[in-house]
Structure formats: structure tokens, C-alpha cells
Amino acid sequence: MNWRDSGPPMPREHHWTERLAMRVLFAAVVAWHVPGSLAHLEITAPNGPARWIDLRFLLDPQVYTMCRYALWVALALYVFRIGWSIALPYLALLSIAIGAIINSHGAILHYLQIVSLVLCAQTAAHFYSVFGRRGEARAAAEDRVIWWSRQAIVATYLVSGLTKLIRTSGTWFFQSPLVAVQIIKTNEQDYYDQLDHTSYEAGASIAEWMVQHPLLVGLVLSTGLLLELTSPLALCSRVLAAGYGLALVLFHTTVHHVMKLSFLYNEYLLWIYLVNVPFWLVLAFRFSSGKLRRRAA
């Protein structure tokens, strides 16, 4: 462990291939999470920043088109690691504004929030390095951005787990089988969108099975709760980060198949910042290269 700060420990310096891969992949996620147009939306029930700031100007196709052009410029700056003092705040503010507009359409969705949160964490980490760590090495500054991104991701799961316990007064295990009601709801919504009888019958069968096996359902869903509550352990080492990342991806995949609830952006960020495939590829390459050198010697 490399202790660069007097505060929380920083991880070991990342290889340049890791940092590059993370920048490119996260830029792709940010680009994908920004919709092509907002003209079909209306701010009928202002939510979040839309309560204090009139964001209707983004509903103008010409204005939004200019914002998307600026988005591509900011993403290019982000990938090439230049102009972050401009690029990161712009990306964070645009992401927050878009999320606020989507959530002001009469229904609250939270599939975009983790991207906005990580952008905010990266912006804060960057400016902390600029103003609080003058003269810090470029690689160390980017390591902090990665480290704070991991903390932001882990925080979303910890808060989710704590919220479940608080809202159910600690009785999540006993109330979790009631999720069958949510499955019926989403199953009927999908049916009226697609009129797929096969998919509807499969969803209804899952809900019926859950009602008939409440104890088993409680145990399975409580496993996900345990993952959320212990997620800060993922910050202790690369191995634990990868383990928790893979476990949470499996959890989201299961939820998607059972409840028809997709958290793709969560999964993408777990792959990028917790599982961190480039690190394991570099490690395997170094191990195999060292082994070949030893054999040659």
C-alpha cells in the first residue's frame, strides 16, 4: 500500500495501460448515457436541480445539439488527459442536468445517477490535486481520480443497503419476498409494451414461485443486501475489489432476469473501476514474461 496522503490510504500506482483503458471506457459510458435528444420530454414535475434552475433551455433541439458537440470535445479532452479543469465540470453538470430533466417527467428513475456521482467524484479529486497537492505527479493525481471513483461507486451500494434496513426498520429479510408484487407490475408493463405472451408467462411463473418460497427468496435477496453493506471492503485490495465487482455484476444480472430491472451503467462502472480487467491482463503478462526470463536464465 502506498501512503501518499495523511488521510485515507491511496492504492498503488496504476500502470499507464490501466489509466488509459479506464479513461477510454468511462468516456464511452458517459457518451452512451447522454440521450440523442430531450425534445420529447417535458418538465412537468421538477426534480432535483430542476426545482431551482429552469432547465427547459436544454429541451430546445438547437441548444441541445450544441451541448452534444461540446460533449464530444470534453470527452476527447478527458481521454487525452488535457483540460480536465474544463472538461470534468462540464461533463458532470451536463450529466446532472440531463438526469434532472428525465426525473422531472413525472417518474423518478435512478439508472443515470451513478454516472453523475462518479463524474462529481472525479471533478472533486481533480481540483483537490490542482489546489491541494500542487506539484503532485501527473500519475499520482490520476490515481486519486480513480480512487475517489471507486469510493463513489462503493458508497452507492452502501447507501442502498442502509436505506433498505432503515425503510423496513430492519425487517428486510421478512419483507423481501414482497418483491414478487414489483415483478408482477414490471411484467405487466413489459407485456403491454411488447404483447409477448411467452415473456409474460415466464415472469408470472417467477413471481408465483417467489410467493411459494418466501424463506428461500429472503435468503437469496439478503445475500445482495449483505454485499451492499460490506461493499467498503472492496476498497481494501485489488483482489477484494475484483471479487466484489464480479459478485455485484452477477447480482445485477440476476435482478435483470428476475425483476426486469436493468442497471447497465452500474455494471459498466463495476467492470471498469472494481474488476479492472486491464490490471489483471498486465499482471498476467508480467508474470508470464518473468517466468520466460527465468527459464531462459
Protein backbone atom coordinates (compact mmCIF):
# COMPACT_ATOMS: atom_id res chain seq x y z
CA MET A 1 0.00 0.00 0.00
CA ASN A 2 1.33 3.38 -0.98
CA TRP A 3 0.56 6.10 1.59
CA ARG A 4 0.61 9.33 -0.42
CA ASP A 5 -1.78 11.26 1.81
CA SER A 6 -2.00 11.80 5.53
CA GLY A 7 -5.67 10.82 5.20
CA PRO A 8 -7.13 7.62 3.72
CA PRO A 9 -4.63 5.30 2.02
CA MET A 10 -4.18 5.57 -1.72
CA PRO A 11 -3.83 2.44 -3.86
CA ARG A 12 -0.62 1.51 -5.58
CA GLU A 13 0.16 3.48 -8.71
CA HIS A 14 -1.76 2.18 -11.67
CA HIS A 15 0.00 1.12 -14.83
CA TRP A 16 -0.42 3.57 -17.69
CA THR A 17 -2.42 0.96 -19.61
CA GLU A 18 -4.93 0.79 -16.75
CA ARG A 19 -5.37 4.52 -16.65
CA LEU A 20 -5.77 4.76 -20.42
CA ALA A 21 -8.28 1.90 -20.52
CA MET A 22 -10.30 3.45 -17.70
CA ARG A 23 -10.40 6.84 -19.42
CA VAL A 24 -11.49 5.39 -22.75
CA LEU A 25 -14.10 3.05 -21.26
CA PHE A 26 -15.55 5.63 -18.89
CA ALA A 27 -15.71 8.19 -21.72
CA ALA A 28 -17.70 5.63 -23.72
CA VAL A 29 -20.11 5.15 -20.80
CA VAL A 30 -20.58 8.91 -20.42
CA ALA A 31 -21.19 9.30 -24.16
CA TRP A 32 -23.72 6.46 -24.14
CA HIS A 33 -25.64 7.70 -21.10
CA VAL A 34 -26.33 11.06 -22.78
CA PRO A 35 -29.50 10.64 -24.92
CA GLY A 36 -29.60 11.82 -28.50
CA SER A 37 -32.47 14.23 -27.82
CA LEU A 38 -34.57 15.63 -24.98
CA ALA A 39 -37.20 17.26 -27.19
CA HIS A 40 -39.75 14.51 -26.42
CA LEU A 41 -39.61 15.28 -22.68
CA GLU A 42 -41.36 17.93 -20.60
CA ILE A 43 -40.58 19.24 -17.13
CA THR A 44 -43.97 18.60 -15.55
CA ALA A 45 -42.78 17.71 -12.03
CA PRO A 46 -39.41 19.44 -11.39
CA ASN A 47 -36.99 17.21 -9.54
CA GLY A 48 -33.51 17.81 -8.17
CA PRO A 49 -31.72 20.86 -9.66
CA ALA A 50 -34.77 21.46 -11.90
CA ARG A 51 -36.54 22.76 -8.78
CA TRP A 52 -34.18 25.73 -8.57
CA ILE A 53 -32.89 26.13 -12.14
CA ASP A 54 -35.03 26.36 -15.26
CA LEU A 55 -33.56 23.62 -17.46
CA ARG A 56 -36.10 23.93 -20.25
CA PHE A 57 -33.46 25.51 -22.48
CA LEU A 58 -31.99 22.00 -22.92
CA LEU A 59 -35.27 20.88 -24.48
CA ASP A 60 -34.53 23.17 -27.43
CA PRO A 61 -33.07 20.87 -30.14
CA GLN A 62 -30.59 23.51 -31.35
CA VAL A 63 -29.27 24.21 -27.85
CA TYR A 64 -29.04 20.52 -27.04
CA THR A 65 -27.21 19.83 -30.29
CA MET A 66 -24.59 22.41 -29.32
CA CYS A 67 -24.31 20.79 -25.90
CA ARG A 68 -23.70 17.42 -27.54
CA TYR A 69 -20.97 18.90 -29.75
CA ALA A 70 -19.36 20.30 -26.62
CA LEU A 71 -19.78 16.85 -25.04
CA TRP A 72 -17.61 15.23 -27.69
CA VAL A 73 -14.94 17.89 -27.26
CA ALA A 74 -14.97 17.38 -23.48
CA LEU A 75 -14.74 13.61 -23.87
CA ALA A 76 -11.76 13.97 -26.22
CA LEU A 77 -10.03 16.21 -23.67
CA TYR A 78 -10.83 13.67 -20.98
CA VAL A 79 -9.36 10.74 -22.90
CA PHE A 80 -6.19 12.65 -23.83
CA ARG A 81 -5.81 13.84 -20.23
CA ILE A 82 -5.79 17.55 -21.03
CA GLY A 83 -8.04 20.41 -19.97
CA TRP A 84 -9.69 18.44 -17.18
CA SER A 85 -10.43 21.65 -15.27
CA ILE A 86 -12.92 22.46 -18.03
CA ALA A 87 -13.91 19.02 -19.31
CA LEU A 88 -14.80 17.34 -16.00
CA PRO A 89 -17.05 20.11 -14.61
CA TYR A 90 -18.86 20.33 -17.95
CA LEU A 91 -19.43 16.57 -18.11
CA ALA A 92 -20.64 16.48 -14.50
CA LEU A 93 -23.03 19.42 -14.93
CA LEU A 94 -24.43 18.09 -18.22
CA SER A 95 -24.98 14.65 -16.71
CA ILE A 96 -26.74 16.11 -13.66
CA ALA A 97 -28.92 18.38 -15.82
CA ILE A 98 -29.98 15.53 -18.10
CA GLY A 99 -30.77 13.31 -15.14
CA ALA A 100 -32.83 16.08 -13.55
CA ILE A 101 -34.85 16.57 -16.74
CA ILE A 102 -35.50 12.83 -17.11
CA ASN A 103 -36.61 12.65 -13.46
CA SER A 104 -38.85 15.70 -13.94
CA HIS A 105 -41.08 13.94 -16.44
CA GLY A 106 -43.42 12.55 -13.78
CA ALA A 107 -41.47 9.43 -12.74
CA ILE A 108 -38.24 9.00 -10.80
CA LEU A 109 -35.53 6.91 -12.40
CA HIS A 110 -32.08 6.36 -10.94
CA TYR A 111 -30.21 4.41 -13.60
CA LEU A 112 -28.13 7.50 -14.55
CA GLN A 113 -27.26 8.67 -11.06
CA ILE A 114 -24.15 6.55 -10.57
CA VAL A 115 -22.54 8.08 -13.68
CA SER A 116 -23.23 11.60 -12.42
CA LEU A 117 -21.91 10.70 -8.98
CA VAL A 118 -18.64 9.32 -10.38
CA LEU A 119 -18.23 12.43 -12.56
CA CYS A 120 -18.68 14.60 -9.46
CA ALA A 121 -16.13 12.50 -7.57
CA GLN A 122 -13.62 12.77 -10.40
CA THR A 123 -14.13 16.53 -10.63
CA ALA A 124 -13.57 16.92 -6.89
CA ALA A 125 -10.48 14.67 -6.99
CA HIS A 126 -9.02 16.63 -9.90
CA PHE A 127 -9.42 20.01 -8.23
CA TYR A 128 -8.11 18.62 -4.95
CA SER A 129 -4.93 17.67 -6.80
CA VAL A 130 -4.79 21.06 -8.53
CA PHE A 131 -5.24 23.21 -5.43
CA GLY A 132 -4.42 20.91 -2.53
CA ARG A 133 -1.48 18.95 -3.96
CA ARG A 134 0.45 21.40 -6.09
CA GLY A 135 3.41 19.81 -7.80
CA GLU A 136 1.98 16.32 -7.46
CA ALA A 137 3.00 13.88 -10.18
CA ARG A 138 0.52 13.54 -13.04
CA ALA A 139 0.16 9.78 -12.50
CA ALA A 140 -0.50 10.25 -8.77
CA ALA A 141 -3.20 12.82 -9.50
CA GLU A 142 -4.97 10.44 -11.84
CA ASP A 143 -4.62 7.63 -9.31
CA ARG A 144 -6.60 9.82 -6.90
CA VAL A 145 -9.30 10.31 -9.53
CA ILE A 146 -9.57 6.52 -9.89
CA TRP A 147 -9.51 6.01 -6.12
CA TRP A 148 -12.29 8.53 -5.50
CA SER A 149 -14.31 6.97 -8.33
CA ARG A 150 -14.12 3.60 -6.57
CA GLN A 151 -15.23 5.19 -3.31
CA ALA A 152 -18.20 6.83 -5.04
CA ILE A 153 -19.29 3.51 -6.56
CA VAL A 154 -18.96 1.68 -3.25
CA ALA A 155 -20.87 4.47 -1.49
CA THR A 156 -23.89 3.97 -3.77
CA TYR A 157 -24.16 0.33 -2.71
CA LEU A 158 -23.59 1.04 0.98
CA VAL A 159 -26.28 3.75 0.97
CA SER A 160 -28.63 1.39 -0.89
CA GLY A 161 -28.13 -1.31 1.74
CA LEU A 162 -28.58 1.08 4.65
CA THR A 163 -31.71 2.53 3.05
CA LYS A 164 -33.27 -0.94 2.81
CA LEU A 165 -32.67 -1.52 6.51
CA ILE A 166 -33.88 1.93 7.55
CA ARG A 167 -37.03 1.93 5.41
CA THR A 168 -38.01 -1.57 6.62
CA SER A 169 -36.98 -0.94 10.25
CA GLY A 170 -34.52 -3.81 9.99
CA THR A 171 -37.07 -6.32 8.67
CA TRP A 172 -35.75 -6.51 5.10
CA PHE A 173 -35.34 -10.29 5.30
CA PHE A 174 -39.04 -10.79 6.10
CA GLN A 175 -40.32 -8.18 3.64
CA SER A 176 -38.08 -9.04 0.68
CA PRO A 177 -40.42 -11.78 -0.68
CA LEU A 178 -42.96 -9.00 -1.33
CA VAL A 179 -40.75 -8.08 -4.28
CA ALA A 180 -42.98 -10.52 -6.18
CA VAL A 181 -45.52 -7.67 -6.37
CA GLN A 182 -42.94 -5.49 -8.14
CA ILE A 183 -42.18 -8.33 -10.55
CA ILE A 184 -45.88 -8.61 -11.45
CA LYS A 185 -46.01 -4.86 -12.02
CA THR A 186 -42.97 -4.70 -14.32
CA ASN A 187 -44.05 -7.91 -16.04
CA GLU A 188 -47.43 -6.42 -16.96
CA GLN A 189 -45.79 -3.18 -18.12
CA ASP A 190 -43.50 -5.15 -20.43
CA TYR A 191 -46.42 -7.19 -21.70
CA TYR A 192 -48.47 -4.14 -22.72
CA ASP A 193 -45.37 -2.71 -24.42
CA GLN A 194 -44.45 -5.85 -26.36
CA LEU A 195 -47.50 -8.18 -26.17
CA ASP A 196 -45.15 -11.12 -25.70
CA HIS A 197 -47.16 -13.95 -24.09
CA THR A 198 -44.10 -16.15 -23.55
CA SER A 199 -42.23 -13.47 -21.62
CA TYR A 200 -45.35 -12.62 -19.60
CA GLU A 201 -45.92 -16.23 -18.57
CA ALA A 202 -42.26 -16.62 -17.58
CA GLY A 203 -42.43 -13.51 -15.38
CA ALA A 204 -45.69 -14.62 -13.78
CA SER A 205 -44.17 -18.03 -13.03
CA ILE A 206 -41.20 -16.42 -11.30
CA ALA A 207 -43.47 -14.25 -9.15
CA GLU A 208 -45.63 -17.24 -8.23
CA TRP A 209 -42.55 -19.27 -7.29
CA MET A 210 -41.30 -16.44 -5.07
CA VAL A 211 -44.63 -16.28 -3.22
CA GLN A 212 -44.49 -20.03 -2.63
CA HIS A 213 -40.87 -19.98 -1.35
CA PRO A 214 -40.60 -16.85 0.84
CA LEU A 215 -37.79 -18.23 3.04
CA LEU A 216 -35.54 -19.09 0.11
CA VAL A 217 -36.30 -15.74 -1.58
CA GLY A 218 -35.43 -13.91 1.64
CA LEU A 219 -32.09 -15.73 1.86
CA VAL A 220 -31.19 -15.01 -1.77
CA LEU A 221 -32.14 -11.33 -1.66
CA SER A 222 -30.44 -10.90 1.70
CA THR A 223 -27.24 -12.06 0.05
CA GLY A 224 -27.45 -8.99 -2.15
CA LEU A 225 -28.08 -6.84 0.92
CA LEU A 226 -25.01 -8.33 2.60
CA LEU A 227 -22.94 -7.48 -0.47
CA GLU A 228 -24.13 -3.88 -0.31
CA LEU A 229 -23.48 -3.48 3.41
CA THR A 230 -19.97 -4.95 3.20
CA SER A 231 -19.07 -3.26 -0.10
CA PRO A 232 -16.49 -0.89 1.57
CA LEU A 233 -14.26 -3.95 1.89
CA ALA A 234 -13.76 -3.66 -1.88
CA LEU A 235 -11.51 -0.67 -1.15
CA CYS A 236 -9.02 -2.77 0.83
CA SER A 237 -7.24 -4.50 -2.06
CA ARG A 238 -7.39 -5.18 -5.78
CA VAL A 239 -8.41 -8.79 -5.12
CA LEU A 240 -11.35 -7.78 -2.95
CA ALA A 241 -12.31 -5.07 -5.44
CA ALA A 242 -12.40 -7.61 -8.27
CA GLY A 243 -14.31 -10.11 -6.12
CA TYR A 244 -16.95 -7.61 -5.07
CA GLY A 245 -17.16 -6.22 -8.59
CA LEU A 246 -17.87 -9.64 -10.08
CA ALA A 247 -20.33 -10.51 -7.31
CA LEU A 248 -22.26 -7.28 -7.80
CA VAL A 249 -22.34 -7.75 -11.58
CA LEU A 250 -23.79 -11.23 -11.01
CA PHE A 251 -26.31 -9.71 -8.59
CA HIS A 252 -27.42 -7.12 -11.17
CA THR A 253 -27.66 -9.78 -13.89
CA THR A 254 -29.89 -11.89 -11.65
CA VAL A 255 -32.10 -8.90 -10.81
CA HIS A 256 -32.40 -8.08 -14.52
CA HIS A 257 -33.55 -11.59 -15.44
CA VAL A 258 -35.92 -11.95 -12.49
CA MET A 259 -37.33 -8.45 -12.00
CA LYS A 260 -36.75 -6.96 -15.46
CA LEU A 261 -34.80 -4.12 -13.82
CA SER A 262 -31.62 -3.19 -15.66
CA PHE A 263 -28.67 -1.39 -14.09
CA LEU A 264 -26.32 -1.44 -17.05
CA TYR A 265 -24.38 1.66 -16.05
CA ASN A 266 -23.72 0.21 -12.62
CA GLU A 267 -22.39 -2.93 -14.26
CA TYR A 268 -20.16 -0.98 -16.65
CA LEU A 269 -18.60 1.02 -13.83
CA LEU A 270 -18.09 -2.11 -11.76
CA TRP A 271 -16.17 -3.69 -14.65
CA ILE A 272 -14.10 -0.54 -15.21
CA TYR A 273 -13.17 0.52 -11.68
CA LEU A 274 -13.56 -2.54 -9.44
CA VAL A 275 -12.91 -5.59 -11.60
CA ASN A 276 -10.35 -3.61 -13.62
CA VAL A 277 -9.62 -6.24 -16.28
CA PRO A 278 -6.57 -4.36 -17.71
CA PHE A 279 -4.73 -4.73 -14.39
CA TRP A 280 -5.14 -8.50 -14.38
CA LEU A 281 -4.07 -8.69 -18.03
CA VAL A 282 -0.94 -6.63 -17.28
CA LEU A 283 -0.25 -8.76 -14.20
CA ALA A 284 -0.59 -11.96 -16.22
CA PHE A 285 1.70 -10.55 -18.92
CA ARG A 286 4.34 -9.57 -16.37
CA PHE A 287 4.11 -12.96 -14.68
CA SER A 288 4.45 -14.86 -17.95
CA SER A 289 7.32 -12.60 -19.10
CA GLY A 290 9.17 -13.09 -15.79
CA LYS A 291 8.64 -16.81 -15.99
CA LEU A 292 10.06 -16.91 -19.52
CA ARG A 293 13.09 -14.87 -18.42
CA ARG A 294 13.75 -17.22 -15.53
CA ARG A 295 13.57 -20.21 -17.83
CA ALA A 296 15.97 -18.55 -20.28
CA ALA A 297 18.39 -17.77 -17.46
